[in-house]
Amino acid sequence: MFRQYGWFFIPASIVGVGIAGAALIFIVQTFLVIDSQSHSASDTLYGWYPYAVTTFLAYQWIAGNLKDRKS
């Protein structure tokens, strides 16, 4: 479902594209919500950072467990 390219995983199937798309939509949505309630750029980044890192780590974990294995 995913192919490893260095440290990153690239979707290689429809399921992989769906997972990557869901992660991207979630990250963009949280950024927009937090940015609309923030007073400065640093305020936005401090509020958004935990969501971005958690989503990225979850994506890496899921993709690492679903990557194409050559056996």
PDB file of N, CA and C in Angstrom:
ATOM      1  N   MET A   1       0.802  -1.185   0.000  1.00  0.00           N
ATOM      2  CA  MET A   1       0.000   0.000   0.000  1.00  0.00           C
ATOM      3  C   MET A   1       0.855   1.264   0.000  1.00  0.00           C
ATOM      4  N   PHE A   2       2.082   1.164   0.518  1.00  0.00           N
ATOM      5  CA  PHE A   2       3.016   2.281   0.530  1.00  0.00           C
ATOM      6  C   PHE A   2       4.379   1.792   0.064  1.00  0.00           C
ATOM      7  N   ARG A   3       5.129   2.682  -0.536  1.00  0.00           N
ATOM      8  CA  ARG A   3       6.517   2.401  -0.907  1.00  0.00           C
ATOM      9  C   ARG A   3       7.401   3.358  -0.142  1.00  0.00           C
ATOM     10  N   GLN A   4       8.495   2.816   0.383  1.00  0.00           N
ATOM     11  CA  GLN A   4       9.403   3.644   1.163  1.00  0.00           C
ATOM     12  C   GLN A   4      10.377   4.358   0.237  1.00  0.00           C
ATOM     13  N   TYR A   5      10.534   5.654   0.460  1.00  0.00           N
ATOM     14  CA  TYR A   5      11.459   6.477  -0.301  1.00  0.00           C
ATOM     15  C   TYR A   5      12.283   7.260   0.717  1.00  0.00           C
ATOM     16  N   GLY A   6      13.430   6.731   1.066  1.00  0.00           N
ATOM     17  CA  GLY A   6      14.212   7.334   2.141  1.00  0.00           C
ATOM     18  C   GLY A   6      13.511   7.119   3.467  1.00  0.00           C
ATOM     19  N   TRP A   7      13.258   8.200   4.174  1.00  0.00           N
ATOM     20  CA  TRP A   7      12.536   8.116   5.444  1.00  0.00           C
ATOM     21  C   TRP A   7      11.040   8.256   5.275  1.00  0.00           C
ATOM     22  N   PHE A   8      10.583   8.553   4.086  1.00  0.00           N
ATOM     23  CA  PHE A   8       9.172   8.840   3.845  1.00  0.00           C
ATOM     24  C   PHE A   8       8.497   7.689   3.115  1.00  0.00           C
ATOM     25  N   PHE A   9       7.173   7.679   3.190  1.00  0.00           N
ATOM     26  CA  PHE A   9       6.376   6.650   2.536  1.00  0.00           C
ATOM     27  C   PHE A   9       5.455   7.310   1.524  1.00  0.00           C
ATOM     28  N   ILE A  10       5.476   6.772   0.318  1.00  0.00           N
ATOM     29  CA  ILE A  10       4.668   7.278  -0.782  1.00  0.00           C
ATOM     30  C   ILE A  10       3.513   6.300  -1.010  1.00  0.00           C
ATOM     31  N   PRO A  11       2.265   6.792  -1.140  1.00  0.00           N
ATOM     32  CA  PRO A  11       1.145   5.887  -1.394  1.00  0.00           C
ATOM     33  C   PRO A  11       1.321   5.151  -2.722  1.00  0.00           C
ATOM     34  N   ALA A  12       1.053   3.850  -2.697  1.00  0.00           N
ATOM     35  CA  ALA A  12       1.195   3.040  -3.900  1.00  0.00           C
ATOM     36  C   ALA A  12      -0.111   2.329  -4.259  1.00  0.00           C
ATOM     37  N   SER A  13      -1.199   2.662  -3.571  1.00  0.00           N
ATOM     38  CA  SER A  13      -2.501   2.070  -3.879  1.00  0.00           C
ATOM     39  C   SER A  13      -3.592   3.076  -3.523  1.00  0.00           C
ATOM     40  N   ILE A  14      -4.807   2.728  -3.839  1.00  0.00           N
ATOM     41  CA  ILE A  14      -5.942   3.602  -3.535  1.00  0.00           C
ATOM     42  C   ILE A  14      -6.099   3.768  -2.029  1.00  0.00           C
ATOM     43  N   VAL A  15      -5.899   2.710  -1.278  1.00  0.00           N
ATOM     44  CA  VAL A  15      -5.995   2.802   0.182  1.00  0.00           C
ATOM     45  C   VAL A  15      -4.918   3.735   0.718  1.00  0.00           C
ATOM     46  N   GLY A  16      -3.718   3.633   0.189  1.00  0.00           N
ATOM     47  CA  GLY A  16      -2.629   4.515   0.605  1.00  0.00           C
ATOM     48  C   GLY A  16      -2.924   5.971   0.293  1.00  0.00           C
ATOM     49  N   VAL A  17      -3.495   6.215  -0.880  1.00  0.00           N
ATOM     50  CA  VAL A  17      -3.867   7.589  -1.249  1.00  0.00           C
ATOM     51  C   VAL A  17      -4.957   8.104  -0.311  1.00  0.00           C
ATOM     52  N   GLY A  18      -5.886   7.242   0.058  1.00  0.00           N
ATOM     53  CA  GLY A  18      -6.946   7.641   0.993  1.00  0.00           C
ATOM     54  C   GLY A  18      -6.404   8.003   2.365  1.00  0.00           C
ATOM     55  N   ILE A  19      -5.463   7.211   2.857  1.00  0.00           N
ATOM     56  CA  ILE A  19      -4.854   7.488   4.164  1.00  0.00           C
ATOM     57  C   ILE A  19      -4.053   8.783   4.114  1.00  0.00           C
ATOM     58  N   ALA A  20      -3.261   8.960   3.069  1.00  0.00           N
ATOM     59  CA  ALA A  20      -2.474  10.187   2.922  1.00  0.00           C
ATOM     60  C   ALA A  20      -3.389  11.398   2.758  1.00  0.00           C
ATOM     61  N   GLY A  21      -4.458  11.245   1.994  1.00  0.00           N
ATOM     62  CA  GLY A  21      -5.407  12.335   1.802  1.00  0.00           C
ATOM     63  C   GLY A  21      -6.115  12.725   3.091  1.00  0.00           C
ATOM     64  N   ALA A  22      -6.502  11.724   3.876  1.00  0.00           N
ATOM     65  CA  ALA A  22      -7.162  12.003   5.150  1.00  0.00           C
ATOM     66  C   ALA A  22      -6.220  12.742   6.100  1.00  0.00           C
ATOM     67  N   ALA A  23      -4.965  12.335   6.123  1.00  0.00           N
ATOM     68  CA  ALA A  23      -3.983  13.021   6.975  1.00  0.00           C
ATOM     69  C   ALA A  23      -3.786  14.461   6.513  1.00  0.00           C
ATOM     70  N   LEU A  24      -3.687  14.668   5.223  1.00  0.00           N
ATOM     71  CA  LEU A  24      -3.491  16.014   4.686  1.00  0.00           C
ATOM     72  C   LEU A  24      -4.709  16.906   4.953  1.00  0.00           C
ATOM     73  N   ILE A  25      -5.899  16.367   4.758  1.00  0.00           N
ATOM     74  CA  ILE A  25      -7.118  17.138   5.018  1.00  0.00           C
ATOM     75  C   ILE A  25      -7.208  17.511   6.494  1.00  0.00           C
ATOM     76  N   PHE A  26      -6.879  16.569   7.376  1.00  0.00           N
ATOM     77  CA  PHE A  26      -6.922  16.845   8.808  1.00  0.00           C
ATOM     78  C   PHE A  26      -5.938  17.946   9.186  1.00  0.00           C
ATOM     79  N   ILE A  27      -4.720  17.871   8.653  1.00  0.00           N
ATOM     80  CA  ILE A  27      -3.697  18.866   8.991  1.00  0.00           C
ATOM     81  C   ILE A  27      -4.098  20.247   8.482  1.00  0.00           C
ATOM     82  N   VAL A  28      -4.605  20.328   7.265  1.00  0.00           N
ATOM     83  CA  VAL A  28      -5.011  21.631   6.713  1.00  0.00           C
ATOM     84  C   VAL A  28      -6.192  22.190   7.499  1.00  0.00           C
ATOM     85  N   GLN A  29      -7.152  21.340   7.828  1.00  0.00           N
ATOM     86  CA  GLN A  29      -8.321  21.788   8.571  1.00  0.00           C
ATOM     87  C   GLN A  29      -7.940  22.310   9.955  1.00  0.00           C
ATOM     88  N   THR A  30      -7.090  21.597  10.664  1.00  0.00           N
ATOM     89  CA  THR A  30      -6.676  22.065  11.990  1.00  0.00           C
ATOM     90  C   THR A  30      -5.889  23.366  11.886  1.00  0.00           C
ATOM     91  N   PHE A  31      -5.066  23.499  10.851  1.00  0.00           N
ATOM     92  CA  PHE A  31      -4.327  24.751  10.679  1.00  0.00           C
ATOM     93  C   PHE A  31      -5.281  25.922  10.479  1.00  0.00           C
ATOM     94  N   LEU A  32      -6.283  25.742   9.641  1.00  0.00           N
ATOM     95  CA  LEU A  32      -7.217  26.830   9.367  1.00  0.00           C
ATOM     96  C   LEU A  32      -8.030  27.214  10.601  1.00  0.00           C
ATOM     97  N   VAL A  33      -8.452  26.226  11.377  1.00  0.00           N
ATOM     98  CA  VAL A  33      -9.227  26.517  12.590  1.00  0.00           C
ATOM     99  C   VAL A  33      -8.356  27.235  13.618  1.00  0.00           C
ATOM    100  N   ILE A  34      -7.158  26.736  13.835  1.00  0.00           N
ATOM    101  CA  ILE A  34      -6.266  27.361  14.819  1.00  0.00           C
ATOM    102  C   ILE A  34      -5.848  28.745  14.356  1.00  0.00           C
ATOM    103  N   ASP A  35      -5.593  28.916  13.063  1.00  0.00           N
ATOM    104  CA  ASP A  35      -5.189  30.220  12.541  1.00  0.00           C
ATOM    105  C   ASP A  35      -6.300  31.253  12.677  1.00  0.00           C
ATOM    106  N   SER A  36      -7.543  30.824  12.546  1.00  0.00           N
ATOM    107  CA  SER A  36      -8.652  31.776  12.660  1.00  0.00           C
ATOM    108  C   SER A  36      -8.827  32.285  14.086  1.00  0.00           C
ATOM    109  N   GLN A  37      -8.301  31.572  15.082  1.00  0.00           N
ATOM    110  CA  GLN A  37      -8.443  31.969  16.480  1.00  0.00           C
ATOM    111  C   GLN A  37      -7.146  32.511  17.072  1.00  0.00           C
ATOM    112  N   SER A  38      -6.096  32.628  16.281  1.00  0.00           N
ATOM    113  CA  SER A  38      -4.801  33.060  16.783  1.00  0.00           C
ATOM    114  C   SER A  38      -4.607  34.551  16.571  1.00  0.00           C
ATOM    115  N   HIS A  39      -3.650  35.089  17.329  1.00  0.00           N
ATOM    116  CA  HIS A  39      -3.358  36.514  17.249  1.00  0.00           C
ATOM    117  C   HIS A  39      -2.049  36.806  16.536  1.00  0.00           C
ATOM    118  N   SER A  40      -1.230  35.773  16.336  1.00  0.00           N
ATOM    119  CA  SER A  40       0.061  35.982  15.668  1.00  0.00           C
ATOM    120  C   SER A  40       0.483  34.685  14.984  1.00  0.00           C
ATOM    121  N   ALA A  41       1.529  34.792  14.185  1.00  0.00           N
ATOM    122  CA  ALA A  41       2.030  33.604  13.486  1.00  0.00           C
ATOM    123  C   ALA A  41       2.591  32.590  14.464  1.00  0.00           C
ATOM    124  N   SER A  42       3.297  33.049  15.476  1.00  0.00           N
ATOM    125  CA  SER A  42       3.859  32.113  16.454  1.00  0.00           C
ATOM    126  C   SER A  42       2.752  31.444  17.261  1.00  0.00           C
ATOM    127  N   ASP A  43       1.693  32.171  17.548  1.00  0.00           N
ATOM    128  CA  ASP A  43       0.540  31.595  18.243  1.00  0.00           C
ATOM    129  C   ASP A  43      -0.078  30.474  17.411  1.00  0.00           C
ATOM    130  N   THR A  44      -0.180  30.695  16.100  1.00  0.00           N
ATOM    131  CA  THR A  44      -0.711  29.677  15.191  1.00  0.00           C
ATOM    132  C   THR A  44       0.178  28.435  15.193  1.00  0.00           C
ATOM    133  N   LEU A  45       1.482  28.638  15.065  1.00  0.00           N
ATOM    134  CA  LEU A  45       2.395  27.493  14.995  1.00  0.00           C
ATOM    135  C   LEU A  45       2.450  26.723  16.303  1.00  0.00           C
ATOM    136  N   TYR A  46       2.427  27.433  17.444  1.00  0.00           N
ATOM    137  CA  TYR A  46       2.416  26.740  18.739  1.00  0.00           C
ATOM    138  C   TYR A  46       1.153  25.908  18.913  1.00  0.00           C
ATOM    139  N   GLY A  47       0.031  26.392  18.414  1.00  0.00           N
ATOM    140  CA  GLY A  47      -1.216  25.643  18.532  1.00  0.00           C
ATOM    141  C   GLY A  47      -1.324  24.498  17.547  1.00  0.00           C
ATOM    142  N   TRP A  48      -0.722  24.668  16.376  1.00  0.00           N
ATOM    143  CA  TRP A  48      -0.840  23.679  15.313  1.00  0.00           C
ATOM    144  C   TRP A  48       0.198  22.566  15.424  1.00  0.00           C
ATOM    145  N   TYR A  49       1.353  22.872  15.968  1.00  0.00           N
ATOM    146  CA  TYR A  49       2.474  21.933  16.027  1.00  0.00           C
ATOM    147  C   TYR A  49       2.103  20.567  16.628  1.00  0.00           C
ATOM    148  N   PRO A  50       1.422  20.489  17.775  1.00  0.00           N
ATOM    149  CA  PRO A  50       1.094  19.156  18.320  1.00  0.00           C
ATOM    150  C   PRO A  50       0.243  18.302  17.388  1.00  0.00           C
ATOM    151  N   TYR A  51      -0.682  18.929  16.685  1.00  0.00           N
ATOM    152  CA  TYR A  51      -1.521  18.182  15.749  1.00  0.00           C
ATOM    153  C   TYR A  51      -0.715  17.703  14.542  1.00  0.00           C
ATOM    154  N   ALA A  52       0.144  18.562  14.035  1.00  0.00           N
ATOM    155  CA  ALA A  52       0.941  18.208  12.860  1.00  0.00           C
ATOM    156  C   ALA A  52       1.899  17.071  13.168  1.00  0.00           C
ATOM    157  N   VAL A  53       2.595  17.148  14.291  1.00  0.00           N
ATOM    158  CA  VAL A  53       3.560  16.109  14.652  1.00  0.00           C
ATOM    159  C   VAL A  53       2.855  14.784  14.924  1.00  0.00           C
ATOM    160  N   THR A  54       1.761  14.830  15.652  1.00  0.00           N
ATOM    161  CA  THR A  54       1.025  13.597  15.959  1.00  0.00           C
ATOM    162  C   THR A  54       0.486  12.948  14.691  1.00  0.00           C
ATOM    163  N   THR A  55      -0.042  13.748  13.789  1.00  0.00           N
ATOM    164  CA  THR A  55      -0.562  13.215  12.533  1.00  0.00           C
ATOM    165  C   THR A  55       0.560  12.627  11.686  1.00  0.00           C
ATOM    166  N   PHE A  56       1.689  13.319  11.610  1.00  0.00           N
ATOM    167  CA  PHE A  56       2.831  12.821  10.846  1.00  0.00           C
ATOM    168  C   PHE A  56       3.347  11.501  11.422  1.00  0.00           C
ATOM    169  N   LEU A  57       3.469  11.415  12.739  1.00  0.00           N
ATOM    170  CA  LEU A  57       3.941  10.175  13.361  1.00  0.00           C
ATOM    171  C   LEU A  57       2.952   9.031  13.156  1.00  0.00           C
ATOM    172  N   ALA A  58       1.660   9.322  13.245  1.00  0.00           N
ATOM    173  CA  ALA A  58       0.650   8.284  13.006  1.00  0.00           C
ATOM    174  C   ALA A  58       0.708   7.804  11.558  1.00  0.00           C
ATOM    175  N   TYR A  59       0.878   8.749  10.612  1.00  0.00           N
ATOM    176  CA  TYR A  59       0.998   8.386   9.197  1.00  0.00           C
ATOM    177  C   TYR A  59       2.232   7.505   8.978  1.00  0.00           C
ATOM    178  N   GLN A  60       3.359   7.882   9.566  1.00  0.00           N
ATOM    179  CA  GLN A  60       4.586   7.100   9.419  1.00  0.00           C
ATOM    180  C   GLN A  60       4.410   5.697  10.003  1.00  0.00           C
ATOM    181  N   TRP A  61       3.747   5.592  11.136  1.00  0.00           N
ATOM    182  CA  TRP A  61       3.544   4.294  11.774  1.00  0.00           C
ATOM    183  C   TRP A  61       2.617   3.413  10.926  1.00  0.00           C
ATOM    184  N   ILE A  62       1.507   3.984  10.460  1.00  0.00           N
ATOM    185  CA  ILE A  62       0.567   3.223   9.631  1.00  0.00           C
ATOM    186  C   ILE A  62       1.240   2.799   8.325  1.00  0.00           C
ATOM    187  N   ALA A  63       1.912   3.733   7.666  1.00  0.00           N
ATOM    188  CA  ALA A  63       2.557   3.422   6.386  1.00  0.00           C
ATOM    189  C   ALA A  63       3.674   2.405   6.571  1.00  0.00           C
ATOM    190  N   GLY A  64       4.413   2.498   7.656  1.00  0.00           N
ATOM    191  CA  GLY A  64       5.480   1.532   7.912  1.00  0.00           C
ATOM    192  C   GLY A  64       4.945   0.124   8.115  1.00  0.00           C
ATOM    193  N   ASN A  65       3.766   0.016   8.710  1.00  0.00           N
ATOM    194  CA  ASN A  65       3.168  -1.296   8.922  1.00  0.00           C
ATOM    195  C   ASN A  65       2.440  -1.822   7.692  1.00  0.00           C
ATOM    196  N   LEU A  66       2.110  -0.942   6.756  1.00  0.00           N
ATOM    197  CA  LEU A  66       1.390  -1.354   5.555  1.00  0.00           C
ATOM    198  C   LEU A  66       2.235  -1.297   4.293  1.00  0.00           C
ATOM    199  N   LYS A  67       3.544  -1.057   4.428  1.00  0.00           N
ATOM    200  CA  LYS A  67       4.367  -0.943   3.236  1.00  0.00           C
ATOM    201  C   LYS A  67       4.491  -2.284   2.527  1.00  0.00           C
ATOM    202  N   ASP A  68       4.771  -2.206   1.227  1.00  0.00           N
ATOM    203  CA  ASP A  68       4.927  -3.410   0.409  1.00  0.00           C
ATOM    204  C   ASP A  68       6.157  -4.167   0.861  1.00  0.00           C
ATOM    205  N   ARG A  69       5.955  -5.413   1.179  1.00  0.00           N
ATOM    206  CA  ARG A  69       7.074  -6.250   1.612  1.00  0.00           C
ATOM    207  C   ARG A  69       7.463  -7.183   0.470  1.00  0.00           C
ATOM    208  N   LYS A  70       8.750  -7.308   0.254  1.00  0.00           N
ATOM    209  CA  LYS A  70       9.243  -8.215  -0.779  1.00  0.00           C
ATOM    210  C   LYS A  70       9.608  -9.529  -0.120  1.00  0.00           C
ATOM    211  N   SER A  71       8.721 -10.519  -0.254  1.00  0.00           N
ATOM    212  CA  SER A  71       9.015 -11.815   0.348  1.00  0.00           C
ATOM    213  C   SER A  71       8.705 -12.949  -0.600  1.00  0.00           C
TER     214      SER A  71
END
